[in-house]
């Protein structure tokens, strides 16, 4: 696991990460959530995996993750995104 970008976003109370992982098969969002939780010592409910990208035939995955300071902040942001999509 290699961290490409690690930014602390004080406005949203989260840590924004861009990570590269080498796996033999496609990792699930839950697997990534557990690995990030273990590596950065954050509770699983505070970790939000945004996307997992790779190129066909490659075993390298580019992953975007947010680690929130509290689970309440994560729920707040998700609810905000849902209301914006409805408009």
C-alpha atoms as a PDB file:
ATOM      1  CA  UNK A   1       0.000   0.000   0.000  1.00  0.00           C
ATOM      2  CA  UNK A   2       1.463   3.319  -1.109  1.00  0.00           C
ATOM      3  CA  UNK A   3      -0.026   6.678  -0.137  1.00  0.00           C
ATOM      4  CA  UNK A   4       0.131   9.080  -3.105  1.00  0.00           C
ATOM      5  CA  UNK A   5      -1.740  11.974  -1.493  1.00  0.00           C
ATOM      6  CA  UNK A   6      -2.654  12.715   2.119  1.00  0.00           C
ATOM      7  CA  UNK A   7      -4.498  15.974   2.839  1.00  0.00           C
ATOM      8  CA  UNK A   8      -6.170  17.098   6.068  1.00  0.00           C
ATOM      9  CA  UNK A   9      -9.394  18.954   5.200  1.00  0.00           C
ATOM     10  CA  UNK A  10     -10.297  21.019   8.274  1.00  0.00           C
ATOM     11  CA  UNK A  11     -13.533  22.332   6.764  1.00  0.00           C
ATOM     12  CA  UNK A  12     -15.095  18.863   6.458  1.00  0.00           C
ATOM     13  CA  UNK A  13     -13.131  17.365   9.395  1.00  0.00           C
ATOM     14  CA  UNK A  14     -11.634  14.587   7.317  1.00  0.00           C
ATOM     15  CA  UNK A  15      -8.419  13.219   5.887  1.00  0.00           C
ATOM     16  CA  UNK A  16      -8.416  12.786   2.084  1.00  0.00           C
ATOM     17  CA  UNK A  17      -6.221   9.997   0.743  1.00  0.00           C
ATOM     18  CA  UNK A  18      -5.170   8.735  -2.683  1.00  0.00           C
ATOM     19  CA  UNK A  19      -3.714   5.231  -2.317  1.00  0.00           C
ATOM     20  CA  UNK A  20      -2.225   2.625  -4.651  1.00  0.00           C
ATOM     21  CA  UNK A  21      -2.668  -1.047  -3.736  1.00  0.00           C
ATOM     22  CA  UNK A  22      -1.420  -4.143  -5.545  1.00  0.00           C
ATOM     23  CA  UNK A  23      -3.868  -7.081  -5.344  1.00  0.00           C
ATOM     24  CA  UNK A  24      -4.366 -10.261  -7.366  1.00  0.00           C
ATOM     25  CA  UNK A  25      -8.126  -9.740  -7.655  1.00  0.00           C
ATOM     26  CA  UNK A  26     -10.521  -6.825  -7.418  1.00  0.00           C
ATOM     27  CA  UNK A  27     -10.753  -5.685  -3.794  1.00  0.00           C
ATOM     28  CA  UNK A  28     -14.194  -4.867  -2.453  1.00  0.00           C
ATOM     29  CA  UNK A  29     -15.081  -1.587  -0.788  1.00  0.00           C
ATOM     30  CA  UNK A  30     -15.432  -3.439   2.541  1.00  0.00           C
ATOM     31  CA  UNK A  31     -11.962  -5.025   2.193  1.00  0.00           C
ATOM     32  CA  UNK A  32     -10.410  -1.640   1.447  1.00  0.00           C
ATOM     33  CA  UNK A  33     -12.297  -0.069   4.344  1.00  0.00           C
ATOM     34  CA  UNK A  34     -10.858  -2.693   6.733  1.00  0.00           C
ATOM     35  CA  UNK A  35      -7.293  -2.300   5.412  1.00  0.00           C
ATOM     36  CA  UNK A  36      -7.419   1.503   5.660  1.00  0.00           C
ATOM     37  CA  UNK A  37      -8.896   1.266   9.148  1.00  0.00           C
ATOM     38  CA  UNK A  38      -6.059  -0.991  10.290  1.00  0.00           C
ATOM     39  CA  UNK A  39      -3.263   0.977   8.625  1.00  0.00           C
ATOM     40  CA  UNK A  40      -4.367   4.423   9.825  1.00  0.00           C
ATOM     41  CA  UNK A  41      -5.794   3.220  13.165  1.00  0.00           C
ATOM     42  CA  UNK A  42      -9.224   4.715  12.508  1.00  0.00           C
ATOM     43  CA  UNK A  43     -12.606   3.138  13.305  1.00  0.00           C
ATOM     44  CA  UNK A  44     -14.157   1.410  10.286  1.00  0.00           C
ATOM     45  CA  UNK A  45     -17.331   3.504  10.508  1.00  0.00           C
ATOM     46  CA  UNK A  46     -15.220   6.660   9.946  1.00  0.00           C
ATOM     47  CA  UNK A  47     -13.697   5.366   6.691  1.00  0.00           C
ATOM     48  CA  UNK A  48     -15.492   6.119   3.417  1.00  0.00           C
ATOM     49  CA  UNK A  49     -14.136   4.543   0.218  1.00  0.00           C
ATOM     50  CA  UNK A  50     -15.070   6.776  -2.728  1.00  0.00           C
ATOM     51  CA  UNK A  51     -13.721   4.837  -5.700  1.00  0.00           C
ATOM     52  CA  UNK A  52     -11.517   1.969  -6.771  1.00  0.00           C
ATOM     53  CA  UNK A  53      -9.961   2.254 -10.244  1.00  0.00           C
ATOM     54  CA  UNK A  54      -7.659   0.056 -12.301  1.00  0.00           C
ATOM     55  CA  UNK A  55      -6.724  -0.574 -15.892  1.00  0.00           C
ATOM     56  CA  UNK A  56      -7.752  -3.822 -17.553  1.00  0.00           C
ATOM     57  CA  UNK A  57      -5.295  -6.631 -16.877  1.00  0.00           C
ATOM     58  CA  UNK A  58      -3.338  -4.767 -14.210  1.00  0.00           C
ATOM     59  CA  UNK A  59      -3.161  -5.755 -10.573  1.00  0.00           C
ATOM     60  CA  UNK A  60      -2.620  -2.185  -9.371  1.00  0.00           C
ATOM     61  CA  UNK A  61      -5.619  -0.269  -7.997  1.00  0.00           C
ATOM     62  CA  UNK A  62      -5.940   3.488  -7.450  1.00  0.00           C
ATOM     63  CA  UNK A  63      -8.210   4.176  -4.492  1.00  0.00           C
ATOM     64  CA  UNK A  64      -9.740   7.384  -3.124  1.00  0.00           C
ATOM     65  CA  UNK A  65     -10.659   7.364   0.564  1.00  0.00           C
ATOM     66  CA  UNK A  66     -11.885   9.842   3.171  1.00  0.00           C
ATOM     67  CA  UNK A  67     -11.296   9.239   6.870  1.00  0.00           C
ATOM     68  CA  UNK A  68     -13.621  11.369   8.991  1.00  0.00           C
ATOM     69  CA  UNK A  69     -12.856  12.544  12.522  1.00  0.00           C
ATOM     70  CA  UNK A  70     -16.224  11.214  13.721  1.00  0.00           C
ATOM     71  CA  UNK A  71     -18.956   8.975  12.279  1.00  0.00           C
ATOM     72  CA  UNK A  72     -21.452  11.829  12.686  1.00  0.00           C
ATOM     73  CA  UNK A  73     -19.517  13.924  10.159  1.00  0.00           C
ATOM     74  CA  UNK A  74     -19.628  11.075   7.643  1.00  0.00           C
ATOM     75  CA  UNK A  75     -23.402  10.723   8.028  1.00  0.00           C
ATOM     76  CA  UNK A  76     -23.814  14.496   7.746  1.00  0.00           C
ATOM     77  CA  UNK A  77     -21.855  14.638   4.466  1.00  0.00           C
ATOM     78  CA  UNK A  78     -23.717  11.642   2.991  1.00  0.00           C
ATOM     79  CA  UNK A  79     -27.082  13.234   3.824  1.00  0.00           C
ATOM     80  CA  UNK A  80     -25.976  16.503   2.254  1.00  0.00           C
ATOM     81  CA  UNK A  81     -24.986  14.697  -0.953  1.00  0.00           C
ATOM     82  CA  UNK A  82     -28.352  12.871  -1.091  1.00  0.00           C
ATOM     83  CA  UNK A  83     -30.317  16.131  -0.836  1.00  0.00           C
ATOM     84  CA  UNK A  84     -28.217  17.751  -3.548  1.00  0.00           C
ATOM     85  CA  UNK A  85     -28.864  14.811  -5.925  1.00  0.00           C
ATOM     86  CA  UNK A  86     -32.637  15.098  -5.419  1.00  0.00           C
ATOM     87  CA  UNK A  87     -32.730  18.713  -6.611  1.00  0.00           C
END
